Amino acid sequence: MFAFTAARRPLGVAASLFSLLLVVAAAAPAAAAEQGYLGIMLQDLTPSIGKALQMGDRSGVIVNDVVDGSPAEQAGLQDGDVILELNGQAATSPAALTEAVRALAPGDKANLLVLRDGRQTKLSAVAGKREAGAERVAAPAAEQMKKFKKLQKPEGVGGLKNRKDPE
């Protein structure tokens, strides 16, 4: 009798976890729809770019692209702008800024401090709502980029020269 009860327990735990995953998966699209959206593609501000822009040790994030018709375009954000702050919080990395934008609800105000042509400019945008069918393009992780760059070098591909196909 004991063995039968113990044998059923893992199945019960697995079924509970599966039910939880279904609930989370069902809620994910609804939660994503409630995230803020500005419509910008971002890039790290490297030390060399920061030096060229005479930024000193200040942090920021470079705007690579502004989506046509997006809240960012309506606010006047342009390619090449450096976002220094969002709602008074320093923009330290593309990931941190993305999370801060997603934390906004659609309709929330996004006050941006931007560096453009050597001058600071304040812009104000209203966070939009991402369309249901809009795809998200994630930047490759740093570790993936290292592997890719290694493959681009001749010595990274060299290990493939002596490999034989299985027969």
Foldseek 3Di string as FASTA:
>chain_A
DVVVVVVCVVVVVVVVVVVVVVVCVVCVLVLLQFFFDFAFDKDFCDPVNCVVLVVPPAGWIFTQDGDPPGQNVVQPDDHGKTWQDWPPHGDHGPVVVVVVRRPDGQQDKTWTFIQDPSDTDITITGTHGDDSPDDDDDDDDPVVVVLVVLCVDPVSCVVVPPDDDDD
